[in-house]
Amino acid sequence: MVVDRKTAEYVAELSRLKISEDEIESVCNELSSILNYMDEINSTIDTGSVSNSIKGLTNVMREDEIHDSMDRAQLLENTPVHTDETPVVPKTVD
């Protein structure tokens, strides 16, 4: 399958990638190569005997249980810096 310039630009836009004019031809070739390889894999591997549904699974998660929460003052004793109600942490997002 050959990927044209318009398709490569569309995929780049969906992927939020900026592709320069110098890179567009290379991207077209690489995408074409990837799609050709996927076609080769699809034609080589026989998935006809694979079931399309999963059966026999059970939920292994425990039931939710309601518990009293821990004492806030006791929790705050373990934090290096805190206000009366919350721990104080370094700012991570501008």
PDB file of N, CA and C in Angstrom:
ATOM      1  N   MET A   1       0.844  -1.175   0.000  1.00  0.00           N
ATOM      2  CA  MET A   1       0.000   0.000   0.000  1.00  0.00           C
ATOM      3  C   MET A   1       0.894   1.244   0.000  1.00  0.00           C
ATOM      4  N   VAL A   2       0.569   2.173  -0.838  1.00  0.00           N
ATOM      5  CA  VAL A   2       1.348   3.396  -0.935  1.00  0.00           C
ATOM      6  C   VAL A   2       0.605   4.512  -0.196  1.00  0.00           C
ATOM      7  N   VAL A   3       1.306   5.159   0.710  1.00  0.00           N
ATOM      8  CA  VAL A   3       0.734   6.277   1.460  1.00  0.00           C
ATOM      9  C   VAL A   3       1.122   7.567   0.763  1.00  0.00           C
ATOM     10  N   ASP A   4       0.124   8.345   0.376  1.00  0.00           N
ATOM     11  CA  ASP A   4       0.413   9.605  -0.301  1.00  0.00           C
ATOM     12  C   ASP A   4       0.618  10.728   0.712  1.00  0.00           C
ATOM     13  N   ARG A   5       1.015  11.860   0.215  1.00  0.00           N
ATOM     14  CA  ARG A   5       1.337  13.013   1.062  1.00  0.00           C
ATOM     15  C   ARG A   5       0.135  13.444   1.899  1.00  0.00           C
ATOM     16  N   LYS A   6      -1.044  13.495   1.285  1.00  0.00           N
ATOM     17  CA  LYS A   6      -2.251  13.930   1.979  1.00  0.00           C
ATOM     18  C   LYS A   6      -2.566  13.004   3.165  1.00  0.00           C
ATOM     19  N   THR A   7      -2.437  11.701   2.962  1.00  0.00           N
ATOM     20  CA  THR A   7      -2.701  10.734   4.033  1.00  0.00           C
ATOM     21  C   THR A   7      -1.679  10.871   5.153  1.00  0.00           C
ATOM     22  N   ALA A   8      -0.412  11.047   4.801  1.00  0.00           N
ATOM     23  CA  ALA A   8       0.639  11.202   5.812  1.00  0.00           C
ATOM     24  C   ALA A   8       0.413  12.462   6.635  1.00  0.00           C
ATOM     25  N   GLU A   9       0.008  13.537   5.994  1.00  0.00           N
ATOM     26  CA  GLU A   9      -0.275  14.772   6.724  1.00  0.00           C
ATOM     27  C   GLU A   9      -1.487  14.609   7.636  1.00  0.00           C
ATOM     28  N   TYR A  10      -2.487  13.859   7.167  1.00  0.00           N
ATOM     29  CA  TYR A  10      -3.680  13.605   7.976  1.00  0.00           C
ATOM     30  C   TYR A  10      -3.330  12.775   9.214  1.00  0.00           C
ATOM     31  N   VAL A  11      -2.532  11.736   9.034  1.00  0.00           N
ATOM     32  CA  VAL A  11      -2.111  10.897  10.161  1.00  0.00           C
ATOM     33  C   VAL A  11      -1.275  11.722  11.141  1.00  0.00           C
ATOM     34  N   ALA A  12      -0.412  12.568  10.631  1.00  0.00           N
ATOM     35  CA  ALA A  12       0.410  13.423  11.494  1.00  0.00           C
ATOM     36  C   ALA A  12      -0.471  14.370  12.298  1.00  0.00           C
ATOM     37  N   GLU A  13      -1.493  14.908  11.656  1.00  0.00           N
ATOM     38  CA  GLU A  13      -2.410  15.813  12.358  1.00  0.00           C
ATOM     39  C   GLU A  13      -3.156  15.060  13.465  1.00  0.00           C
ATOM     40  N   LEU A  14      -3.643  13.865  13.170  1.00  0.00           N
ATOM     41  CA  LEU A  14      -4.337  13.062  14.183  1.00  0.00           C
ATOM     42  C   LEU A  14      -3.415  12.716  15.339  1.00  0.00           C
ATOM     43  N   SER A  15      -2.142  12.503  15.028  1.00  0.00           N
ATOM     44  CA  SER A  15      -1.157  12.121  16.041  1.00  0.00           C
ATOM     45  C   SER A  15      -0.539  13.325  16.743  1.00  0.00           C
ATOM     46  N   ARG A  16      -0.940  14.499  16.333  1.00  0.00           N
ATOM     47  CA  ARG A  16      -0.392  15.741  16.889  1.00  0.00           C
ATOM     48  C   ARG A  16       1.124  15.831  16.682  1.00  0.00           C
ATOM     49  N   LEU A  17       1.559  15.399  15.496  1.00  0.00           N
ATOM     50  CA  LEU A  17       2.969  15.459  15.137  1.00  0.00           C
ATOM     51  C   LEU A  17       3.180  16.566  14.109  1.00  0.00           C
ATOM     52  N   LYS A  18       4.281  17.271  14.238  1.00  0.00           N
ATOM     53  CA  LYS A  18       4.633  18.281  13.247  1.00  0.00           C
ATOM     54  C   LYS A  18       5.685  17.686  12.331  1.00  0.00           C
ATOM     55  N   ILE A  19       5.353  17.609  11.057  1.00  0.00           N
ATOM     56  CA  ILE A  19       6.266  17.046  10.067  1.00  0.00           C
ATOM     57  C   ILE A  19       6.691  18.167   9.133  1.00  0.00           C
ATOM     58  N   SER A  20       7.991  18.338   9.000  1.00  0.00           N
ATOM     59  CA  SER A  20       8.497  19.389   8.113  1.00  0.00           C
ATOM     60  C   SER A  20       8.412  18.929   6.660  1.00  0.00           C
ATOM     61  N   GLU A  21       8.571  19.863   5.763  1.00  0.00           N
ATOM     62  CA  GLU A  21       8.545  19.551   4.324  1.00  0.00           C
ATOM     63  C   GLU A  21       9.652  18.562   3.961  1.00  0.00           C
ATOM     64  N   ASP A  22      10.786  18.657   4.648  1.00  0.00           N
ATOM     65  CA  ASP A  22      11.898  17.757   4.366  1.00  0.00           C
ATOM     66  C   ASP A  22      11.596  16.322   4.795  1.00  0.00           C
ATOM     67  N   GLU A  23      10.747  16.158   5.799  1.00  0.00           N
ATOM     68  CA  GLU A  23      10.474  14.830   6.354  1.00  0.00           C
ATOM     69  C   GLU A  23       9.290  14.127   5.717  1.00  0.00           C
ATOM     70  N   ILE A  24       8.436  14.814   5.009  1.00  0.00           N
ATOM     71  CA  ILE A  24       7.175  14.246   4.542  1.00  0.00           C
ATOM     72  C   ILE A  24       7.376  13.043   3.619  1.00  0.00           C
ATOM     73  N   GLU A  25       8.344  13.097   2.731  1.00  0.00           N
ATOM     74  CA  GLU A  25       8.594  11.968   1.819  1.00  0.00           C
ATOM     75  C   GLU A  25       9.064  10.746   2.588  1.00  0.00           C
ATOM     76  N   SER A  26       9.918  10.963   3.567  1.00  0.00           N
ATOM     77  CA  SER A  26      10.407   9.869   4.403  1.00  0.00           C
ATOM     78  C   SER A  26       9.266   9.244   5.202  1.00  0.00           C
ATOM     79  N   VAL A  27       8.381  10.085   5.730  1.00  0.00           N
ATOM     80  CA  VAL A  27       7.236   9.589   6.500  1.00  0.00           C
ATOM     81  C   VAL A  27       6.318   8.762   5.602  1.00  0.00           C
ATOM     82  N   CYS A  28       6.070   9.224   4.392  1.00  0.00           N
ATOM     83  CA  CYS A  28       5.243   8.469   3.444  1.00  0.00           C
ATOM     84  C   CYS A  28       5.839   7.085   3.192  1.00  0.00           C
ATOM     85  N   ASN A  29       7.148   7.041   2.968  1.00  0.00           N
ATOM     86  CA  ASN A  29       7.810   5.759   2.717  1.00  0.00           C
ATOM     87  C   ASN A  29       7.747   4.841   3.933  1.00  0.00           C
ATOM     88  N   GLU A  30       7.966   5.401   5.117  1.00  0.00           N
ATOM     89  CA  GLU A  30       7.937   4.588   6.337  1.00  0.00           C
ATOM     90  C   GLU A  30       6.542   4.053   6.629  1.00  0.00           C
ATOM     91  N   LEU A  31       5.519   4.902   6.474  1.00  0.00           N
ATOM     92  CA  LEU A  31       4.152   4.437   6.679  1.00  0.00           C
ATOM     93  C   LEU A  31       3.770   3.365   5.661  1.00  0.00           C
ATOM     94  N   SER A  32       4.181   3.550   4.424  1.00  0.00           N
ATOM     95  CA  SER A  32       3.916   2.534   3.396  1.00  0.00           C
ATOM     96  C   SER A  32       4.583   1.218   3.754  1.00  0.00           C
ATOM     97  N   SER A  33       5.811   1.291   4.221  1.00  0.00           N
ATOM     98  CA  SER A  33       6.544   0.086   4.614  1.00  0.00           C
ATOM     99  C   SER A  33       5.840  -0.625   5.769  1.00  0.00           C
ATOM    100  N   ILE A  34       5.382   0.131   6.752  1.00  0.00           N
ATOM    101  CA  ILE A  34       4.682  -0.461   7.902  1.00  0.00           C
ATOM    102  C   ILE A  34       3.397  -1.143   7.446  1.00  0.00           C
ATOM    103  N   LEU A  35       2.615  -0.469   6.606  1.00  0.00           N
ATOM    104  CA  LEU A  35       1.354  -1.046   6.143  1.00  0.00           C
ATOM    105  C   LEU A  35       1.580  -2.273   5.261  1.00  0.00           C
ATOM    106  N   ASN A  36       2.626  -2.253   4.442  1.00  0.00           N
ATOM    107  CA  ASN A  36       2.953  -3.431   3.635  1.00  0.00           C
ATOM    108  C   ASN A  36       3.321  -4.610   4.514  1.00  0.00           C
ATOM    109  N   TYR A  37       4.070  -4.353   5.577  1.00  0.00           N
ATOM    110  CA  TYR A  37       4.436  -5.415   6.512  1.00  0.00           C
ATOM    111  C   TYR A  37       3.202  -5.975   7.208  1.00  0.00           C
ATOM    112  N   MET A  38       2.277  -5.095   7.592  1.00  0.00           N
ATOM    113  CA  MET A  38       1.037  -5.558   8.224  1.00  0.00           C
ATOM    114  C   MET A  38       0.222  -6.416   7.253  1.00  0.00           C
ATOM    115  N   ASP A  39       0.184  -6.042   5.979  1.00  0.00           N
ATOM    116  CA  ASP A  39      -0.509  -6.856   4.974  1.00  0.00           C
ATOM    117  C   ASP A  39       0.138  -8.230   4.856  1.00  0.00           C
ATOM    118  N   GLU A  40       1.471  -8.249   4.894  1.00  0.00           N
ATOM    119  CA  GLU A  40       2.207  -9.514   4.821  1.00  0.00           C
ATOM    120  C   GLU A  40       1.875 -10.406   6.021  1.00  0.00           C
ATOM    121  N   ILE A  41       1.840  -9.821   7.196  1.00  0.00           N
ATOM    122  CA  ILE A  41       1.497 -10.584   8.401  1.00  0.00           C
ATOM    123  C   ILE A  41       0.068 -11.100   8.306  1.00  0.00           C
ATOM    124  N   ASN A  42      -0.865 -10.257   7.888  1.00  0.00           N
ATOM    125  CA  ASN A  42      -2.264 -10.668   7.779  1.00  0.00           C
ATOM    126  C   ASN A  42      -2.459 -11.800   6.785  1.00  0.00           C
ATOM    127  N   SER A  43      -1.693 -11.807   5.704  1.00  0.00           N
ATOM    128  CA  SER A  43      -1.847 -12.867   4.716  1.00  0.00           C
ATOM    129  C   SER A  43      -1.112 -14.142   5.121  1.00  0.00           C
ATOM    130  N   THR A  44      -0.166 -14.060   6.042  1.00  0.00           N
ATOM    131  CA  THR A  44       0.631 -15.208   6.455  1.00  0.00           C
ATOM    132  C   THR A  44      -0.001 -15.972   7.614  1.00  0.00           C
ATOM    133  N   ILE A  45      -0.563 -15.268   8.570  1.00  0.00           N
ATOM    134  CA  ILE A  45      -1.079 -15.886   9.776  1.00  0.00           C
ATOM    135  C   ILE A  45      -2.544 -16.246   9.596  1.00  0.00           C
ATOM    136  N   ASP A  46      -2.865 -17.521   9.864  1.00  0.00           N
ATOM    137  CA  ASP A  46      -4.243 -17.990   9.772  1.00  0.00           C
ATOM    138  C   ASP A  46      -4.896 -17.875  11.139  1.00  0.00           C
ATOM    139  N   THR A  47      -5.879 -17.000  11.249  1.00  0.00           N
ATOM    140  CA  THR A  47      -6.574 -16.817  12.515  1.00  0.00           C
ATOM    141  C   THR A  47      -7.973 -17.428  12.490  1.00  0.00           C
ATOM    142  N   GLY A  48      -8.243 -18.260  11.515  1.00  0.00           N
ATOM    143  CA  GLY A  48      -9.562 -18.863  11.377  1.00  0.00           C
ATOM    144  C   GLY A  48      -9.953 -19.750  12.546  1.00  0.00           C
ATOM    145  N   SER A  49      -8.968 -20.372  13.186  1.00  0.00           N
ATOM    146  CA  SER A  49      -9.282 -21.275  14.290  1.00  0.00           C
ATOM    147  C   SER A  49      -9.332 -20.575  15.645  1.00  0.00           C
ATOM    148  N   VAL A  50      -9.081 -19.285  15.673  1.00  0.00           N
ATOM    149  CA  VAL A  50      -9.074 -18.532  16.924  1.00  0.00           C
ATOM    150  C   VAL A  50     -10.495 -18.065  17.233  1.00  0.00           C
ATOM    151  N   SER A  51     -10.936 -18.338  18.449  1.00  0.00           N
ATOM    152  CA  SER A  51     -12.271 -17.923  18.863  1.00  0.00           C
ATOM    153  C   SER A  51     -12.301 -16.405  19.038  1.00  0.00           C
ATOM    154  N   ASN A  52     -13.423 -15.806  18.681  1.00  0.00           N
ATOM    155  CA  ASN A  52     -13.524 -14.360  18.811  1.00  0.00           C
ATOM    156  C   ASN A  52     -14.161 -13.930  20.129  1.00  0.00           C
ATOM    157  N   SER A  53     -14.349 -14.856  21.038  1.00  0.00           N
ATOM    158  CA  SER A  53     -14.886 -14.489  22.346  1.00  0.00           C
ATOM    159  C   SER A  53     -14.138 -15.244  23.437  1.00  0.00           C
ATOM    160  N   ILE A  54     -14.159 -14.694  24.613  1.00  0.00           N
ATOM    161  CA  ILE A  54     -13.491 -15.302  25.754  1.00  0.00           C
ATOM    162  C   ILE A  54     -14.560 -15.889  26.653  1.00  0.00           C
ATOM    163  N   LYS A  55     -14.397 -17.147  27.015  1.00  0.00           N
ATOM    164  CA  LYS A  55     -15.402 -17.813  27.835  1.00  0.00           C
ATOM    165  C   LYS A  55     -14.752 -18.379  29.088  1.00  0.00           C
ATOM    166  N   GLY A  56     -15.551 -18.535  30.111  1.00  0.00           N
ATOM    167  CA  GLY A  56     -15.081 -19.213  31.313  1.00  0.00           C
ATOM    168  C   GLY A  56     -14.329 -18.337  32.291  1.00  0.00           C
ATOM    169  N   LEU A  57     -14.349 -17.035  32.109  1.00  0.00           N
ATOM    170  CA  LEU A  57     -13.662 -16.165  33.046  1.00  0.00           C
ATOM    171  C   LEU A  57     -14.578 -15.839  34.222  1.00  0.00           C
ATOM    172  N   THR A  58     -13.990 -15.717  35.376  1.00  0.00           N
ATOM    173  CA  THR A  58     -14.758 -15.307  36.548  1.00  0.00           C
ATOM    174  C   THR A  58     -14.099 -14.078  37.153  1.00  0.00           C
ATOM    175  N   ASN A  59     -14.876 -13.314  37.873  1.00  0.00           N
ATOM    176  CA  ASN A  59     -14.359 -12.119  38.520  1.00  0.00           C
ATOM    177  C   ASN A  59     -13.562 -12.536  39.742  1.00  0.00           C
ATOM    178  N   VAL A  60     -12.298 -12.188  39.772  1.00  0.00           N
ATOM    179  CA  VAL A  60     -11.438 -12.553  40.891  1.00  0.00           C
ATOM    180  C   VAL A  60     -11.234 -11.389  41.855  1.00  0.00           C
ATOM    181  N   MET A  61     -11.936 -10.300  41.629  1.00  0.00           N
ATOM    182  CA  MET A  61     -11.811  -9.141  42.492  1.00  0.00           C
ATOM    183  C   MET A  61     -12.620  -9.363  43.766  1.00  0.00           C
ATOM    184  N   ARG A  62     -12.160  -8.815  44.850  1.00  0.00           N
ATOM    185  CA  ARG A  62     -12.875  -8.939  46.114  1.00  0.00           C
ATOM    186  C   ARG A  62     -14.058  -7.990  46.125  1.00  0.00           C
ATOM    187  N   GLU A  63     -14.999  -8.252  46.975  1.00  0.00           N
ATOM    188  CA  GLU A  63     -16.134  -7.364  47.147  1.00  0.00           C
ATOM    189  C   GLU A  63     -15.681  -6.085  47.855  1.00  0.00           C
ATOM    190  N   ASP A  64     -16.312  -4.974  47.544  1.00  0.00           N
ATOM    191  CA  ASP A  64     -16.010  -3.721  48.228  1.00  0.00           C
ATOM    192  C   ASP A  64     -16.552  -3.782  49.650  1.00  0.00           C
ATOM    193  N   GLU A  65     -15.743  -3.328  50.569  1.00  0.00           N
ATOM    194  CA  GLU A  65     -16.159  -3.291  51.960  1.00  0.00           C
ATOM    195  C   GLU A  65     -15.977  -1.876  52.493  1.00  0.00           C
ATOM    196  N   ILE A  66     -16.936  -1.429  53.268  1.00  0.00           N
ATOM    197  CA  ILE A  66     -16.866  -0.085  53.836  1.00  0.00           C
ATOM    198  C   ILE A  66     -16.133  -0.159  55.166  1.00  0.00           C
ATOM    199  N   HIS A  67     -15.114   0.698  55.325  1.00  0.00           N
ATOM    200  CA  HIS A  67     -14.336   0.784  56.556  1.00  0.00           C
ATOM    201  C   HIS A  67     -14.267   2.237  56.998  1.00  0.00           C
ATOM    202  N   ASP A  68     -14.052   2.446  58.272  1.00  0.00           N
ATOM    203  CA  ASP A  68     -13.813   3.794  58.761  1.00  0.00           C
ATOM    204  C   ASP A  68     -12.466   4.264  58.232  1.00  0.00           C
ATOM    205  N   SER A  69     -12.382   5.553  57.888  1.00  0.00           N
ATOM    206  CA  SER A  69     -11.110   6.081  57.408  1.00  0.00           C
ATOM    207  C   SER A  69     -10.185   6.330  58.593  1.00  0.00           C
ATOM    208  N   MET A  70      -8.904   6.506  58.275  1.00  0.00           N
ATOM    209  CA  MET A  70      -7.918   6.748  59.327  1.00  0.00           C
ATOM    210  C   MET A  70      -8.076   8.165  59.871  1.00  0.00           C
ATOM    211  N   ASP A  71      -7.599   8.378  61.050  1.00  0.00           N
ATOM    212  CA  ASP A  71      -7.644   9.682  61.689  1.00  0.00           C
ATOM    213  C   ASP A  71      -6.725  10.650  60.942  1.00  0.00           C
ATOM    214  N   ARG A  72      -7.256  11.805  60.550  1.00  0.00           N
ATOM    215  CA  ARG A  72      -6.496  12.775  59.757  1.00  0.00           C
ATOM    216  C   ARG A  72      -5.246  13.258  60.494  1.00  0.00           C
ATOM    217  N   ALA A  73      -5.363  13.552  61.757  1.00  0.00           N
ATOM    218  CA  ALA A  73      -4.208  14.043  62.526  1.00  0.00           C
ATOM    219  C   ALA A  73      -3.110  12.990  62.565  1.00  0.00           C
ATOM    220  N   GLN A  74      -3.485  11.740  62.703  1.00  0.00           N
ATOM    221  CA  GLN A  74      -2.513  10.651  62.739  1.00  0.00           C
ATOM    222  C   GLN A  74      -1.803  10.516  61.387  1.00  0.00           C
ATOM    223  N   LEU A  75      -2.557  10.658  60.307  1.00  0.00           N
ATOM    224  CA  LEU A  75      -1.943  10.596  58.973  1.00  0.00           C
ATOM    225  C   LEU A  75      -0.984  11.762  58.742  1.00  0.00           C
ATOM    226  N   LEU A  76      -1.381  12.943  59.178  1.00  0.00           N
ATOM    227  CA  LEU A  76      -0.543  14.123  58.957  1.00  0.00           C
ATOM    228  C   LEU A  76       0.739  14.086  59.770  1.00  0.00           C
ATOM    229  N   GLU A  77       0.794  13.295  60.819  1.00  0.00           N
ATOM    230  CA  GLU A  77       2.027  13.151  61.597  1.00  0.00           C
ATOM    231  C   GLU A  77       3.157  12.568  60.751  1.00  0.00           C
ATOM    232  N   ASN A  78       2.809  11.835  59.682  1.00  0.00           N
ATOM    233  CA  ASN A  78       3.810  11.193  58.832  1.00  0.00           C
ATOM    234  C   ASN A  78       4.291  12.080  57.689  1.00  0.00           C
ATOM    235  N   THR A  79       3.735  13.280  57.562  1.00  0.00           N
ATOM    236  CA  THR A  79       4.155  14.170  56.480  1.00  0.00           C
ATOM    237  C   THR A  79       5.133  15.207  56.999  1.00  0.00           C
ATOM    238  N   PRO A  80       6.171  15.501  56.224  1.00  0.00           N
ATOM    239  CA  PRO A  80       7.166  16.469  56.691  1.00  0.00           C
ATOM    240  C   PRO A  80       6.610  17.888  56.826  1.00  0.00           C
ATOM    241  N   VAL A  81       5.732  18.300  55.895  1.00  0.00           N
ATOM    242  CA  VAL A  81       5.148  19.638  55.933  1.00  0.00           C
ATOM    243  C   VAL A  81       3.652  19.491  55.698  1.00  0.00           C
ATOM    244  N   HIS A  82       2.871  20.155  56.537  1.00  0.00           N
ATOM    245  CA  HIS A  82       1.422  20.069  56.345  1.00  0.00           C
ATOM    246  C   HIS A  82       0.724  21.258  56.969  1.00  0.00           C
ATOM    247  N   THR A  83      -0.496  21.486  56.489  1.00  0.00           N
ATOM    248  CA  THR A  83      -1.359  22.480  57.125  1.00  0.00           C
ATOM    249  C   THR A  83      -2.187  21.726  58.158  1.00  0.00           C
ATOM    250  N   ASP A  84      -3.224  22.364  58.668  1.00  0.00           N
ATOM    251  CA  ASP A  84      -4.061  21.676  59.647  1.00  0.00           C
ATOM    252  C   ASP A  84      -4.848  20.515  59.029  1.00  0.00           C
ATOM    253  N   GLU A  85      -5.039  20.556  57.702  1.00  0.00           N
ATOM    254  CA  GLU A  85      -5.891  19.547  57.075  1.00  0.00           C
ATOM    255  C   GLU A  85      -5.226  18.729  55.977  1.00  0.00           C
ATOM    256  N   THR A  86      -4.192  19.256  55.341  1.00  0.00           N
ATOM    257  CA  THR A  86      -3.617  18.555  54.192  1.00  0.00           C
ATOM    258  C   THR A  86      -2.102  18.589  54.196  1.00  0.00           C
ATOM    259  N   PRO A  87      -1.474  17.590  53.552  1.00  0.00           N
ATOM    260  CA  PRO A  87      -0.030  17.654  53.369  1.00  0.00           C
ATOM    261  C   PRO A  87       0.330  18.729  52.354  1.00  0.00           C
ATOM    262  N   VAL A  88       1.508  19.307  52.489  1.00  0.00           N
ATOM    263  CA  VAL A  88       1.983  20.311  51.531  1.00  0.00           C
ATOM    264  C   VAL A  88       3.073  19.632  50.701  1.00  0.00           C
ATOM    265  N   VAL A  89       2.880  19.677  49.361  1.00  0.00           N
ATOM    266  CA  VAL A  89       3.821  19.026  48.458  1.00  0.00           C
ATOM    267  C   VAL A  89       4.351  20.058  47.467  1.00  0.00           C
ATOM    268  N   PRO A  90       5.491  19.793  46.828  1.00  0.00           N
ATOM    269  CA  PRO A  90       6.017  20.743  45.833  1.00  0.00           C
ATOM    270  C   PRO A  90       5.074  20.863  44.635  1.00  0.00           C
ATOM    271  N   LYS A  91       5.025  22.020  44.047  1.00  0.00           N
ATOM    272  CA  LYS A  91       4.212  22.261  42.871  1.00  0.00           C
ATOM    273  C   LYS A  91       4.803  21.473  41.703  1.00  0.00           C
ATOM    274  N   THR A  92       3.945  20.732  40.979  1.00  0.00           N
ATOM    275  CA  THR A  92       4.438  19.919  39.869  1.00  0.00           C
ATOM    276  C   THR A  92       3.919  20.380  38.523  1.00  0.00           C
ATOM    277  N   VAL A  93       2.889  21.227  38.505  1.00  0.00           N
ATOM    278  CA  VAL A  93       2.300  21.694  37.258  1.00  0.00           C
ATOM    279  C   VAL A  93       2.194  23.201  37.309  1.00  0.00           C
ATOM    280  N   ASP A  94       2.577  23.847  36.213  1.00  0.00           N
ATOM    281  CA  ASP A  94       2.457  25.311  36.156  1.00  0.00           C
ATOM    282  C   ASP A  94       1.038  25.706  35.838  1.00  0.00           C
TER     283      ASP A  94
END
